[in-house]
PDB file of N, CA and C in Angstrom:
ATOM      1  N   UNK A   1       0.832  -1.173   0.000  1.00  0.00           N
ATOM      2  CA  UNK A   1       0.000   0.000   0.000  1.00  0.00           C
ATOM      3  C   UNK A   1       0.881   1.243   0.000  1.00  0.00           C
ATOM      4  N   UNK A   2       0.472   2.258  -0.749  1.00  0.00           N
ATOM      5  CA  UNK A   2       1.194   3.517  -0.794  1.00  0.00           C
ATOM      6  C   UNK A   2       0.410   4.592  -0.054  1.00  0.00           C
ATOM      7  N   UNK A   3       1.120   5.562   0.483  1.00  0.00           N
ATOM      8  CA  UNK A   3       0.500   6.746   1.068  1.00  0.00           C
ATOM      9  C   UNK A   3       1.271   7.967   0.572  1.00  0.00           C
ATOM     10  N   UNK A   4       0.632   9.121   0.579  1.00  0.00           N
ATOM     11  CA  UNK A   4       1.323  10.346   0.211  1.00  0.00           C
ATOM     12  C   UNK A   4       2.159  10.780   1.402  1.00  0.00           C
ATOM     13  N   UNK A   5       3.440  10.961   1.169  1.00  0.00           N
ATOM     14  CA  UNK A   5       4.335  11.363   2.243  1.00  0.00           C
ATOM     15  C   UNK A   5       4.558  12.853   2.287  1.00  0.00           C
ATOM     16  N   UNK A   6       4.819  13.446   1.116  1.00  0.00           N
ATOM     17  CA  UNK A   6       5.155  14.859   1.058  1.00  0.00           C
ATOM     18  C   UNK A   6       4.605  15.453  -0.229  1.00  0.00           C
ATOM     19  N   UNK A   7       4.095  16.656  -0.132  1.00  0.00           N
ATOM     20  CA  UNK A   7       3.708  17.442  -1.298  1.00  0.00           C
ATOM     21  C   UNK A   7       4.873  18.397  -1.542  1.00  0.00           C
ATOM     22  N   UNK A   8       5.324  18.502  -2.792  1.00  0.00           N
ATOM     23  CA  UNK A   8       6.492  19.319  -3.116  1.00  0.00           C
ATOM     24  C   UNK A   8       6.057  20.474  -4.017  1.00  0.00           C
ATOM     25  N   UNK A   9       6.441  21.689  -3.634  1.00  0.00           N
ATOM     26  CA  UNK A   9       6.201  22.878  -4.457  1.00  0.00           C
ATOM     27  C   UNK A   9       7.529  23.414  -4.962  1.00  0.00           C
ATOM     28  N   UNK A  10       7.602  23.730  -6.241  1.00  0.00           N
ATOM     29  CA  UNK A  10       8.759  24.411  -6.779  1.00  0.00           C
ATOM     30  C   UNK A  10       8.641  25.899  -6.470  1.00  0.00           C
ATOM     31  N   UNK A  11       9.721  26.491  -6.025  1.00  0.00           N
ATOM     32  CA  UNK A  11       9.715  27.910  -5.644  1.00  0.00           C
ATOM     33  C   UNK A  11      10.981  28.596  -6.163  1.00  0.00           C
ATOM     34  N   UNK A  12      10.928  29.924  -6.231  1.00  0.00           N
ATOM     35  CA  UNK A  12      12.078  30.707  -6.678  1.00  0.00           C
ATOM     36  C   UNK A  12      13.039  31.021  -5.542  1.00  0.00           C
ATOM     37  N   UNK A  13      12.519  31.084  -4.317  1.00  0.00           N
ATOM     38  CA  UNK A  13      13.321  31.464  -3.160  1.00  0.00           C
ATOM     39  C   UNK A  13      12.854  30.617  -1.982  1.00  0.00           C
ATOM     40  N   UNK A  14      13.647  29.636  -1.618  1.00  0.00           N
ATOM     41  CA  UNK A  14      13.249  28.686  -0.571  1.00  0.00           C
ATOM     42  C   UNK A  14      13.045  29.391   0.763  1.00  0.00           C
ATOM     43  N   UNK A  15      13.910  30.319   1.120  1.00  0.00           N
ATOM     44  CA  UNK A  15      13.782  31.011   2.416  1.00  0.00           C
ATOM     45  C   UNK A  15      12.490  31.833   2.472  1.00  0.00           C
ATOM     46  N   UNK A  16      12.204  32.585   1.415  1.00  0.00           N
ATOM     47  CA  UNK A  16      10.985  33.402   1.394  1.00  0.00           C
ATOM     48  C   UNK A  16       9.738  32.522   1.393  1.00  0.00           C
ATOM     49  N   UNK A  17       9.778  31.429   0.645  1.00  0.00           N
ATOM     50  CA  UNK A  17       8.639  30.504   0.612  1.00  0.00           C
ATOM     51  C   UNK A  17       8.451  29.844   1.976  1.00  0.00           C
ATOM     52  N   UNK A  18       9.548  29.521   2.645  1.00  0.00           N
ATOM     53  CA  UNK A  18       9.467  28.952   3.991  1.00  0.00           C
ATOM     54  C   UNK A  18       8.775  29.933   4.930  1.00  0.00           C
ATOM     55  N   UNK A  19       9.147  31.189   4.857  1.00  0.00           N
ATOM     56  CA  UNK A  19       8.505  32.215   5.700  1.00  0.00           C
ATOM     57  C   UNK A  19       7.012  32.297   5.411  1.00  0.00           C
ATOM     58  N   UNK A  20       6.630  32.324   4.126  1.00  0.00           N
ATOM     59  CA  UNK A  20       5.212  32.431   3.777  1.00  0.00           C
ATOM     60  C   UNK A  20       4.430  31.224   4.288  1.00  0.00           C
ATOM     61  N   UNK A  21       4.878  30.015   3.964  1.00  0.00           N
ATOM     62  CA  UNK A  21       4.113  28.823   4.344  1.00  0.00           C
ATOM     63  C   UNK A  21       4.143  28.586   5.852  1.00  0.00           C
ATOM     64  N   UNK A  22       5.210  29.011   6.531  1.00  0.00           N
ATOM     65  CA  UNK A  22       5.222  28.963   7.985  1.00  0.00           C
ATOM     66  C   UNK A  22       4.130  29.871   8.536  1.00  0.00           C
ATOM     67  N   UNK A  23       4.018  31.078   8.010  1.00  0.00           N
ATOM     68  CA  UNK A  23       2.972  32.004   8.454  1.00  0.00           C
ATOM     69  C   UNK A  23       1.586  31.526   8.058  1.00  0.00           C
ATOM     70  N   UNK A  24       1.461  30.944   6.871  1.00  0.00           N
ATOM     71  CA  UNK A  24       0.161  30.494   6.378  1.00  0.00           C
ATOM     72  C   UNK A  24      -0.363  29.302   7.168  1.00  0.00           C
ATOM     73  N   UNK A  25       0.498  28.307   7.380  1.00  0.00           N
ATOM     74  CA  UNK A  25       0.054  27.036   7.964  1.00  0.00           C
ATOM     75  C   UNK A  25       0.552  26.780   9.380  1.00  0.00           C
ATOM     76  N   UNK A  26       1.554  27.541   9.812  1.00  0.00           N
ATOM     77  CA  UNK A  26       2.167  27.260  11.099  1.00  0.00           C
ATOM     78  C   UNK A  26       3.153  26.104  11.030  1.00  0.00           C
ATOM     79  N   UNK A  27       3.418  25.602   9.822  1.00  0.00           N
ATOM     80  CA  UNK A  27       4.367  24.505   9.653  1.00  0.00           C
ATOM     81  C   UNK A  27       5.783  24.986   9.946  1.00  0.00           C
ATOM     82  N   UNK A  28       6.616  24.080  10.424  1.00  0.00           N
ATOM     83  CA  UNK A  28       8.002  24.388  10.771  1.00  0.00           C
ATOM     84  C   UNK A  28       8.941  23.422  10.052  1.00  0.00           C
ATOM     85  N   UNK A  29      10.184  23.834   9.808  1.00  0.00           N
ATOM     86  CA  UNK A  29      11.125  22.916   9.167  1.00  0.00           C
ATOM     87  C   UNK A  29      11.280  21.628   9.981  1.00  0.00           C
ATOM     88  N   UNK A  30      11.194  20.515   9.297  1.00  0.00           N
ATOM     89  CA  UNK A  30      11.373  19.209   9.947  1.00  0.00           C
ATOM     90  C   UNK A  30      12.817  19.037  10.395  1.00  0.00           C
ATOM     91  N   UNK A  31      13.728  19.511   9.579  1.00  0.00           N
ATOM     92  CA  UNK A  31      15.152  19.574   9.904  1.00  0.00           C
ATOM     93  C   UNK A  31      15.711  20.782   9.174  1.00  0.00           C
ATOM     94  N   UNK A  32      16.904  21.227   9.498  1.00  0.00           N
ATOM     95  CA  UNK A  32      17.431  22.405   8.803  1.00  0.00           C
ATOM     96  C   UNK A  32      17.458  22.186   7.289  1.00  0.00           C
ATOM     97  N   UNK A  33      16.972  23.173   6.557  1.00  0.00           N
ATOM     98  CA  UNK A  33      17.013  23.117   5.100  1.00  0.00           C
ATOM     99  C   UNK A  33      18.192  23.929   4.590  1.00  0.00           C
ATOM    100  N   UNK A  34      18.193  24.177   3.300  1.00  0.00           N
ATOM    101  CA  UNK A  34      19.212  25.039   2.701  1.00  0.00           C
ATOM    102  C   UNK A  34      18.545  25.886   1.633  1.00  0.00           C
ATOM    103  N   UNK A  35      19.325  26.500   0.758  1.00  0.00           N
ATOM    104  CA  UNK A  35      18.727  27.385  -0.235  1.00  0.00           C
ATOM    105  C   UNK A  35      18.135  26.639  -1.431  1.00  0.00           C
ATOM    106  N   UNK A  36      18.148  25.293  -1.382  1.00  0.00           N
ATOM    107  CA  UNK A  36      17.566  24.511  -2.476  1.00  0.00           C
ATOM    108  C   UNK A  36      16.402  23.625  -2.042  1.00  0.00           C
ATOM    109  N   UNK A  37      16.254  23.366  -0.732  1.00  0.00           N
ATOM    110  CA  UNK A  37      15.242  22.398  -0.298  1.00  0.00           C
ATOM    111  C   UNK A  37      14.971  22.533   1.191  1.00  0.00           C
ATOM    112  N   UNK A  38      13.709  22.438   1.564  1.00  0.00           N
ATOM    113  CA  UNK A  38      13.333  22.326   2.972  1.00  0.00           C
ATOM    114  C   UNK A  38      12.018  21.560   3.030  1.00  0.00           C
ATOM    115  N   UNK A  39      11.849  20.786   4.078  1.00  0.00           N
ATOM    116  CA  UNK A  39      10.588  20.095   4.309  1.00  0.00           C
ATOM    117  C   UNK A  39       9.950  20.673   5.559  1.00  0.00           C
ATOM    118  N   UNK A  40       8.701  21.122   5.409  1.00  0.00           N
ATOM    119  CA  UNK A  40       7.947  21.693   6.519  1.00  0.00           C
ATOM    120  C   UNK A  40       6.956  20.669   7.037  1.00  0.00           C
ATOM    121  N   UNK A  41       6.739  20.685   8.346  1.00  0.00           N
ATOM    122  CA  UNK A  41       5.851  19.720   8.991  1.00  0.00           C
ATOM    123  C   UNK A  41       4.937  20.438   9.978  1.00  0.00           C
ATOM    124  N   UNK A  42       3.770  19.857  10.234  1.00  0.00           N
ATOM    125  CA  UNK A  42       2.915  20.424  11.276  1.00  0.00           C
ATOM    126  C   UNK A  42       3.659  20.365  12.611  1.00  0.00           C
ATOM    127  N   UNK A  43       3.574  21.415  13.419  1.00  0.00           N
ATOM    128  CA  UNK A  43       4.332  21.430  14.667  1.00  0.00           C
ATOM    129  C   UNK A  43       3.832  20.443  15.708  1.00  0.00           C
ATOM    130  N   UNK A  44       2.593  19.994  15.571  1.00  0.00           N
ATOM    131  CA  UNK A  44       2.005  19.152  16.617  1.00  0.00           C
ATOM    132  C   UNK A  44       1.927  17.680  16.253  1.00  0.00           C
ATOM    133  N   UNK A  45       2.608  17.249  15.210  1.00  0.00           N
ATOM    134  CA  UNK A  45       2.601  15.828  14.920  1.00  0.00           C
ATOM    135  C   UNK A  45       2.112  15.475  13.540  1.00  0.00           C
ATOM    136  N   UNK A  46       1.077  14.613  13.451  1.00  0.00           N
ATOM    137  CA  UNK A  46       0.687  14.064  12.155  1.00  0.00           C
ATOM    138  C   UNK A  46       0.096  15.121  11.214  1.00  0.00           C
ATOM    139  N   UNK A  47       0.213  14.822   9.947  1.00  0.00           N
ATOM    140  CA  UNK A  47      -0.323  15.693   8.904  1.00  0.00           C
ATOM    141  C   UNK A  47       0.575  15.626   7.690  1.00  0.00           C
ATOM    142  N   UNK A  48       0.074  16.145   6.585  1.00  0.00           N
ATOM    143  CA  UNK A  48       0.849  16.141   5.343  1.00  0.00           C
ATOM    144  C   UNK A  48       2.078  17.032   5.491  1.00  0.00           C
ATOM    145  N   UNK A  49       3.165  16.602   4.897  1.00  0.00           N
ATOM    146  CA  UNK A  49       4.384  17.403   4.862  1.00  0.00           C
ATOM    147  C   UNK A  49       4.377  18.248   3.596  1.00  0.00           C
ATOM    148  N   UNK A  50       5.030  19.395   3.645  1.00  0.00           N
ATOM    149  CA  UNK A  50       5.151  20.273   2.491  1.00  0.00           C
ATOM    150  C   UNK A  50       6.624  20.574   2.282  1.00  0.00           C
ATOM    151  N   UNK A  51       7.162  20.135   1.144  1.00  0.00           N
ATOM    152  CA  UNK A  51       8.561  20.437   0.823  1.00  0.00           C
ATOM    153  C   UNK A  51       8.603  21.565  -0.196  1.00  0.00           C
ATOM    154  N   UNK A  52       9.584  22.419  -0.049  1.00  0.00           N
ATOM    155  CA  UNK A  52       9.810  23.537  -0.956  1.00  0.00           C
ATOM    156  C   UNK A  52      11.141  23.306  -1.646  1.00  0.00           C
ATOM    157  N   UNK A  53      11.105  23.269  -2.976  1.00  0.00           N
ATOM    158  CA  UNK A  53      12.275  22.919  -3.768  1.00  0.00           C
ATOM    159  C   UNK A  53      12.596  24.066  -4.716  1.00  0.00           C
ATOM    160  N   UNK A  54      13.843  24.487  -4.756  1.00  0.00           N
ATOM    161  CA  UNK A  54      14.262  25.510  -5.695  1.00  0.00           C
ATOM    162  C   UNK A  54      13.974  25.027  -7.112  1.00  0.00           C
ATOM    163  N   UNK A  55      13.324  25.873  -7.901  1.00  0.00           N
ATOM    164  CA  UNK A  55      12.925  25.480  -9.249  1.00  0.00           C
ATOM    165  C   UNK A  55      13.029  26.658 -10.198  1.00  0.00           C
ATOM    166  N   UNK A  56      13.438  26.383 -11.410  1.00  0.00           N
ATOM    167  CA  UNK A  56      13.461  27.396 -12.457  1.00  0.00           C
ATOM    168  C   UNK A  56      12.309  27.204 -13.430  1.00  0.00           C
ATOM    169  N   UNK A  57      11.460  26.220 -13.175  1.00  0.00           N
ATOM    170  CA  UNK A  57      10.318  25.955 -14.046  1.00  0.00           C
ATOM    171  C   UNK A  57       9.291  27.066 -13.893  1.00  0.00           C
ATOM    172  N   UNK A  58       8.769  27.590 -14.991  1.00  0.00           N
ATOM    173  CA  UNK A  58       7.759  28.651 -14.887  1.00  0.00           C
ATOM    174  C   UNK A  58       6.480  28.156 -14.215  1.00  0.00           C
ATOM    175  N   UNK A  59       5.835  29.056 -13.506  1.00  0.00           N
ATOM    176  CA  UNK A  59       4.560  28.756 -12.857  1.00  0.00           C
ATOM    177  C   UNK A  59       3.493  28.564 -13.928  1.00  0.00           C
ATOM    178  N   UNK A  60       2.577  27.622 -13.702  1.00  0.00           N
ATOM    179  CA  UNK A  60       1.477  27.374 -14.634  1.00  0.00           C
ATOM    180  C   UNK A  60       0.246  28.181 -14.224  1.00  0.00           C
ATOM    181  N   UNK A  61      -0.400  28.827 -15.186  1.00  0.00           N
ATOM    182  CA  UNK A  61      -1.631  29.561 -14.898  1.00  0.00           C
ATOM    183  C   UNK A  61      -2.750  28.631 -14.448  1.00  0.00           C
ATOM    184  N   UNK A  62      -2.768  27.440 -14.986  1.00  0.00           N
ATOM    185  CA  UNK A  62      -3.762  26.433 -14.598  1.00  0.00           C
ATOM    186  C   UNK A  62      -3.010  25.157 -14.232  1.00  0.00           C
ATOM    187  N   UNK A  63      -2.487  25.147 -12.992  1.00  0.00           N
ATOM    188  CA  UNK A  63      -1.651  24.007 -12.597  1.00  0.00           C
ATOM    189  C   UNK A  63      -2.440  22.701 -12.563  1.00  0.00           C
ATOM    190  N   UNK A  64      -1.764  21.640 -12.861  1.00  0.00           N
ATOM    191  CA  UNK A  64      -2.406  20.324 -12.840  1.00  0.00           C
ATOM    192  C   UNK A  64      -2.568  19.821 -11.415  1.00  0.00           C
ATOM    193  N   UNK A  65      -1.720  20.279 -10.513  1.00  0.00           N
ATOM    194  CA  UNK A  65      -1.801  19.908  -9.102  1.00  0.00           C
ATOM    195  C   UNK A  65      -1.745  21.195  -8.289  1.00  0.00           C
ATOM    196  N   UNK A  66      -2.556  21.252  -7.237  1.00  0.00           N
ATOM    197  CA  UNK A  66      -2.533  22.418  -6.356  1.00  0.00           C
ATOM    198  C   UNK A  66      -2.947  21.991  -4.953  1.00  0.00           C
ATOM    199  N   UNK A  67      -2.761  22.875  -3.990  1.00  0.00           N
ATOM    200  CA  UNK A  67      -3.166  22.618  -2.612  1.00  0.00           C
ATOM    201  C   UNK A  67      -4.578  23.134  -2.387  1.00  0.00           C
ATOM    202  N   UNK A  68      -5.386  22.389  -1.668  1.00  0.00           N
ATOM    203  CA  UNK A  68      -6.668  22.849  -1.145  1.00  0.00           C
ATOM    204  C   UNK A  68      -6.499  23.015   0.354  1.00  0.00           C
ATOM    205  N   UNK A  69      -6.693  24.243   0.844  1.00  0.00           N
ATOM    206  CA  UNK A  69      -6.603  24.526   2.269  1.00  0.00           C
ATOM    207  C   UNK A  69      -8.014  24.692   2.804  1.00  0.00           C
ATOM    208  N   UNK A  70      -8.382  23.941   3.829  1.00  0.00           N
ATOM    209  CA  UNK A  70      -9.730  23.981   4.393  1.00  0.00           C
ATOM    210  C   UNK A  70      -9.815  25.046   5.471  1.00  0.00           C
ATOM    211  N   UNK A  71     -10.911  25.815   5.452  1.00  0.00           N
ATOM    212  CA  UNK A  71     -11.075  26.908   6.406  1.00  0.00           C
ATOM    213  C   UNK A  71     -12.489  26.912   6.973  1.00  0.00           C
ATOM    214  N   UNK A  72     -12.596  27.074   8.274  1.00  0.00           N
ATOM    215  CA  UNK A  72     -13.900  27.255   8.918  1.00  0.00           C
ATOM    216  C   UNK A  72     -14.412  28.683   8.688  1.00  0.00           C
ATOM    217  N   UNK A  73     -13.495  29.654   8.607  1.00  0.00           N
ATOM    218  CA  UNK A  73     -13.861  31.039   8.319  1.00  0.00           C
ATOM    219  C   UNK A  73     -13.079  31.458   7.078  1.00  0.00           C
ATOM    220  N   UNK A  74     -13.618  31.123   5.914  1.00  0.00           N
ATOM    221  CA  UNK A  74     -12.927  31.333   4.648  1.00  0.00           C
ATOM    222  C   UNK A  74     -12.528  32.793   4.442  1.00  0.00           C
ATOM    223  N   UNK A  75     -13.451  33.712   4.676  1.00  0.00           N
ATOM    224  CA  UNK A  75     -13.159  35.128   4.455  1.00  0.00           C
ATOM    225  C   UNK A  75     -12.000  35.612   5.293  1.00  0.00           C
ATOM    226  N   UNK A  76     -12.001  35.253   6.563  1.00  0.00           N
ATOM    227  CA  UNK A  76     -10.922  35.677   7.454  1.00  0.00           C
ATOM    228  C   UNK A  76      -9.589  35.059   7.036  1.00  0.00           C
ATOM    229  N   UNK A  77      -9.605  33.792   6.649  1.00  0.00           N
ATOM    230  CA  UNK A  77      -8.354  33.135   6.235  1.00  0.00           C
ATOM    231  C   UNK A  77      -7.828  33.732   4.938  1.00  0.00           C
ATOM    232  N   UNK A  78      -8.708  34.019   3.991  1.00  0.00           N
ATOM    233  CA  UNK A  78      -8.258  34.644   2.740  1.00  0.00           C
ATOM    234  C   UNK A  78      -7.610  35.988   3.039  1.00  0.00           C
ATOM    235  N   UNK A  79      -8.236  36.792   3.871  1.00  0.00           N
ATOM    236  CA  UNK A  79      -7.664  38.100   4.216  1.00  0.00           C
ATOM    237  C   UNK A  79      -6.322  37.948   4.925  1.00  0.00           C
ATOM    238  N   UNK A  80      -6.224  36.978   5.835  1.00  0.00           N
ATOM    239  CA  UNK A  80      -4.958  36.738   6.537  1.00  0.00           C
ATOM    240  C   UNK A  80      -3.872  36.328   5.558  1.00  0.00           C
ATOM    241  N   UNK A  81      -4.196  35.417   4.638  1.00  0.00           N
ATOM    242  CA  UNK A  81      -3.207  34.956   3.665  1.00  0.00           C
ATOM    243  C   UNK A  81      -2.763  36.089   2.744  1.00  0.00           C
ATOM    244  N   UNK A  82      -3.686  36.927   2.328  1.00  0.00           N
ATOM    245  CA  UNK A  82      -3.332  38.075   1.493  1.00  0.00           C
ATOM    246  C   UNK A  82      -2.436  39.037   2.278  1.00  0.00           C
ATOM    247  N   UNK A  83      -2.712  39.197   3.562  1.00  0.00           N
ATOM    248  CA  UNK A  83      -1.906  40.121   4.366  1.00  0.00           C
ATOM    249  C   UNK A  83      -0.467  39.636   4.561  1.00  0.00           C
ATOM    250  N   UNK A  84      -0.220  38.326   4.396  1.00  0.00           N
ATOM    251  CA  UNK A  84       1.146  37.811   4.546  1.00  0.00           C
ATOM    252  C   UNK A  84       1.826  37.546   3.206  1.00  0.00           C
ATOM    253  N   UNK A  85       1.171  37.938   2.099  1.00  0.00           N
ATOM    254  CA  UNK A  85       1.857  37.844   0.811  1.00  0.00           C
ATOM    255  C   UNK A  85       1.153  37.078  -0.280  1.00  0.00           C
ATOM    256  N   UNK A  86       0.052  36.395   0.017  1.00  0.00           N
ATOM    257  CA  UNK A  86      -0.697  35.720  -1.045  1.00  0.00           C
ATOM    258  C   UNK A  86      -1.364  36.782  -1.917  1.00  0.00           C
ATOM    259  N   UNK A  87      -1.693  36.393  -3.139  1.00  0.00           N
ATOM    260  CA  UNK A  87      -2.400  37.300  -4.052  1.00  0.00           C
ATOM    261  C   UNK A  87      -3.677  36.624  -4.542  1.00  0.00           C
ATOM    262  N   UNK A  88      -4.696  37.439  -4.739  1.00  0.00           N
ATOM    263  CA  UNK A  88      -5.946  36.945  -5.324  1.00  0.00           C
ATOM    264  C   UNK A  88      -5.704  36.663  -6.804  1.00  0.00           C
ATOM    265  N   UNK A  89      -6.381  35.644  -7.319  1.00  0.00           N
ATOM    266  CA  UNK A  89      -6.250  35.255  -8.722  1.00  0.00           C
ATOM    267  C   UNK A  89      -7.576  35.547  -9.425  1.00  0.00           C
ATOM    268  N   UNK A  90      -7.498  36.182 -10.566  1.00  0.00           N
ATOM    269  CA  UNK A  90      -8.679  36.406 -11.396  1.00  0.00           C
ATOM    270  C   UNK A  90      -8.972  35.092 -12.120  1.00  0.00           C
ATOM    271  N   UNK A  91      -9.769  34.240 -11.488  1.00  0.00           N
ATOM    272  CA  UNK A  91      -9.997  32.870 -11.949  1.00  0.00           C
ATOM    273  C   UNK A  91     -11.269  32.828 -12.785  1.00  0.00           C
ATOM    274  N   UNK A  92     -11.147  32.470 -14.044  1.00  0.00           N
ATOM    275  CA  UNK A  92     -12.307  32.470 -14.932  1.00  0.00           C
ATOM    276  C   UNK A  92     -13.056  31.136 -14.965  1.00  0.00           C
ATOM    277  N   UNK A  93     -12.672  30.206 -14.130  1.00  0.00           N
ATOM    278  CA  UNK A  93     -13.315  28.887 -14.137  1.00  0.00           C
ATOM    279  C   UNK A  93     -14.174  28.626 -12.900  1.00  0.00           C
ATOM    280  N   UNK A  94     -14.506  29.682 -12.153  1.00  0.00           N
ATOM    281  CA  UNK A  94     -15.365  29.491 -10.986  1.00  0.00           C
ATOM    282  C   UNK A  94     -16.738  28.978 -11.421  1.00  0.00           C
ATOM    283  N   UNK A  95     -17.303  28.010 -10.688  1.00  0.00           N
ATOM    284  CA  UNK A  95     -18.690  27.623 -10.946  1.00  0.00           C
ATOM    285  C   UNK A  95     -19.635  28.708 -10.418  1.00  0.00           C
ATOM    286  N   UNK A  96     -20.938  28.520 -10.588  1.00  0.00           N
ATOM    287  CA  UNK A  96     -21.914  29.532 -10.162  1.00  0.00           C
ATOM    288  C   UNK A  96     -21.832  29.887  -8.691  1.00  0.00           C
ATOM    289  N   UNK A  97     -21.738  28.908  -7.833  1.00  0.00           N
ATOM    290  CA  UNK A  97     -21.718  29.151  -6.387  1.00  0.00           C
ATOM    291  C   UNK A  97     -20.505  28.451  -5.780  1.00  0.00           C
ATOM    292  N   UNK A  98     -19.310  29.001  -5.998  1.00  0.00           N
ATOM    293  CA  UNK A  98     -18.109  28.284  -5.568  1.00  0.00           C
ATOM    294  C   UNK A  98     -17.970  28.244  -4.046  1.00  0.00           C
ATOM    295  N   UNK A  99     -17.401  27.147  -3.564  1.00  0.00           N
ATOM    296  CA  UNK A  99     -17.064  27.041  -2.143  1.00  0.00           C
ATOM    297  C   UNK A  99     -15.562  27.254  -1.953  1.00  0.00           C
ATOM    298  N   UNK A 100     -14.890  27.741  -2.989  1.00  0.00           N
ATOM    299  CA  UNK A 100     -13.443  27.940  -2.930  1.00  0.00           C
ATOM    300  C   UNK A 100     -13.069  29.301  -3.513  1.00  0.00           C
ATOM    301  N   UNK A 101     -11.910  29.784  -3.069  1.00  0.00           N
ATOM    302  CA  UNK A 101     -11.320  31.008  -3.598  1.00  0.00           C
ATOM    303  C   UNK A 101      -9.895  30.669  -4.010  1.00  0.00           C
ATOM    304  N   UNK A 102      -9.515  31.071  -5.213  1.00  0.00           N
ATOM    305  CA  UNK A 102      -8.180  30.781  -5.733  1.00  0.00           C
ATOM    306  C   UNK A 102      -7.240  31.930  -5.367  1.00  0.00           C
ATOM    307  N   UNK A 103      -6.131  31.559  -4.748  1.00  0.00           N
ATOM    308  CA  UNK A 103      -5.056  32.496  -4.413  1.00  0.00           C
ATOM    309  C   UNK A 103      -3.757  31.948  -4.989  1.00  0.00           C
ATOM    310  N   UNK A 104      -2.709  32.762  -4.929  1.00  0.00           N
ATOM    311  CA  UNK A 104      -1.379  32.255  -5.263  1.00  0.00           C
ATOM    312  C   UNK A 104      -0.395  32.742  -4.213  1.00  0.00           C
ATOM    313  N   UNK A 105       0.604  31.915  -3.945  1.00  0.00           N
ATOM    314  CA  UNK A 105       1.630  32.295  -2.975  1.00  0.00           C
ATOM    315  C   UNK A 105       2.575  33.307  -3.622  1.00  0.00           C
ATOM    316  N   UNK A 106       3.541  33.847  -2.892  1.00  0.00           N
ATOM    317  CA  UNK A 106       4.441  34.851  -3.472  1.00  0.00           C
ATOM    318  C   UNK A 106       5.222  34.361  -4.694  1.00  0.00           C
ATOM    319  N   UNK A 107       5.365  33.035  -4.849  1.00  0.00           N
ATOM    320  CA  UNK A 107       6.045  32.486  -6.024  1.00  0.00           C
ATOM    321  C   UNK A 107       5.101  32.254  -7.193  1.00  0.00           C
ATOM    322  N   UNK A 108       3.806  32.479  -6.990  1.00  0.00           N
ATOM    323  CA  UNK A 108       2.831  32.264  -8.051  1.00  0.00           C
ATOM    324  C   UNK A 108       2.186  30.890  -8.051  1.00  0.00           C
ATOM    325  N   UNK A 109       2.537  30.042  -7.064  1.00  0.00           N
ATOM    326  CA  UNK A 109       1.901  28.729  -6.957  1.00  0.00           C
ATOM    327  C   UNK A 109       0.457  28.923  -6.505  1.00  0.00           C
ATOM    328  N   UNK A 110      -0.476  28.421  -7.297  1.00  0.00           N
ATOM    329  CA  UNK A 110      -1.892  28.611  -6.991  1.00  0.00           C
ATOM    330  C   UNK A 110      -2.373  27.579  -5.991  1.00  0.00           C
ATOM    331  N   UNK A 111      -3.293  28.020  -5.141  1.00  0.00           N
ATOM    332  CA  UNK A 111      -3.926  27.133  -4.171  1.00  0.00           C
ATOM    333  C   UNK A 111      -5.331  27.643  -3.909  1.00  0.00           C
ATOM    334  N   UNK A 112      -6.163  26.795  -3.335  1.00  0.00           N
ATOM    335  CA  UNK A 112      -7.554  27.153  -3.065  1.00  0.00           C
ATOM    336  C   UNK A 112      -7.806  27.165  -1.568  1.00  0.00           C
ATOM    337  N   UNK A 113      -8.625  28.108  -1.136  1.00  0.00           N
ATOM    338  CA  UNK A 113      -9.115  28.132   0.244  1.00  0.00           C
ATOM    339  C   UNK A 113     -10.569  27.682   0.163  1.00  0.00           C
ATOM    340  N   UNK A 114     -10.848  26.536   0.772  1.00  0.00           N
ATOM    341  CA  UNK A 114     -12.151  25.897   0.683  1.00  0.00           C
ATOM    342  C   UNK A 114     -12.964  26.239   1.918  1.00  0.00           C
ATOM    343  N   UNK A 115     -14.203  26.638   1.709  1.00  0.00           N
ATOM    344  CA  UNK A 115     -15.129  26.958   2.819  1.00  0.00           C
ATOM    345  C   UNK A 115     -15.649  25.655   3.414  1.00  0.00           C
ATOM    346  N   UNK A 116     -15.213  25.342   4.612  1.00  0.00           N
ATOM    347  CA  UNK A 116     -15.662  24.120   5.309  1.00  0.00           C
ATOM    348  C   UNK A 116     -16.590  24.441   6.484  1.00  0.00           C
ATOM    349  N   UNK A 117     -17.171  25.636   6.466  1.00  0.00           N
ATOM    350  CA  UNK A 117     -18.039  26.055   7.580  1.00  0.00           C
ATOM    351  C   UNK A 117     -19.394  25.372   7.546  1.00  0.00           C
ATOM    352  N   UNK A 118     -19.734  24.777   6.418  1.00  0.00           N
ATOM    353  CA  UNK A 118     -21.046  24.126   6.316  1.00  0.00           C
ATOM    354  C   UNK A 118     -22.120  25.055   5.833  1.00  0.00           C
ATOM    355  N   UNK A 119     -21.798  26.301   5.549  1.00  0.00           N
ATOM    356  CA  UNK A 119     -22.799  27.255   5.026  1.00  0.00           C
ATOM    357  C   UNK A 119     -22.975  27.108   3.546  1.00  0.00           C
TER     358      UNK A 119
END
């Protein structure tokens, strides 16, 4: 049986991306990283790992893989993420009544904030 161990994002600046995702998720380096690679982990134990890898590959406008972040208060989380460096994306593929908002991190990696409040 296989399980997902780590999700890897290509970034332009590992240190800056580490700062953003640490602020966004509260994740901390699992062990000391360097300017090419770091793996972030939830501080309290189990959960998906997020590795940040130095990459020269251009960001995709419509990535084939992205992160979905679940939020009980979607509006507040979107505002918090924007205040720490995320940007809103003018997404032309929203359905009529979306439960998600598309953002991108400072490197342009797109991710969604999903409304899990039940409303």
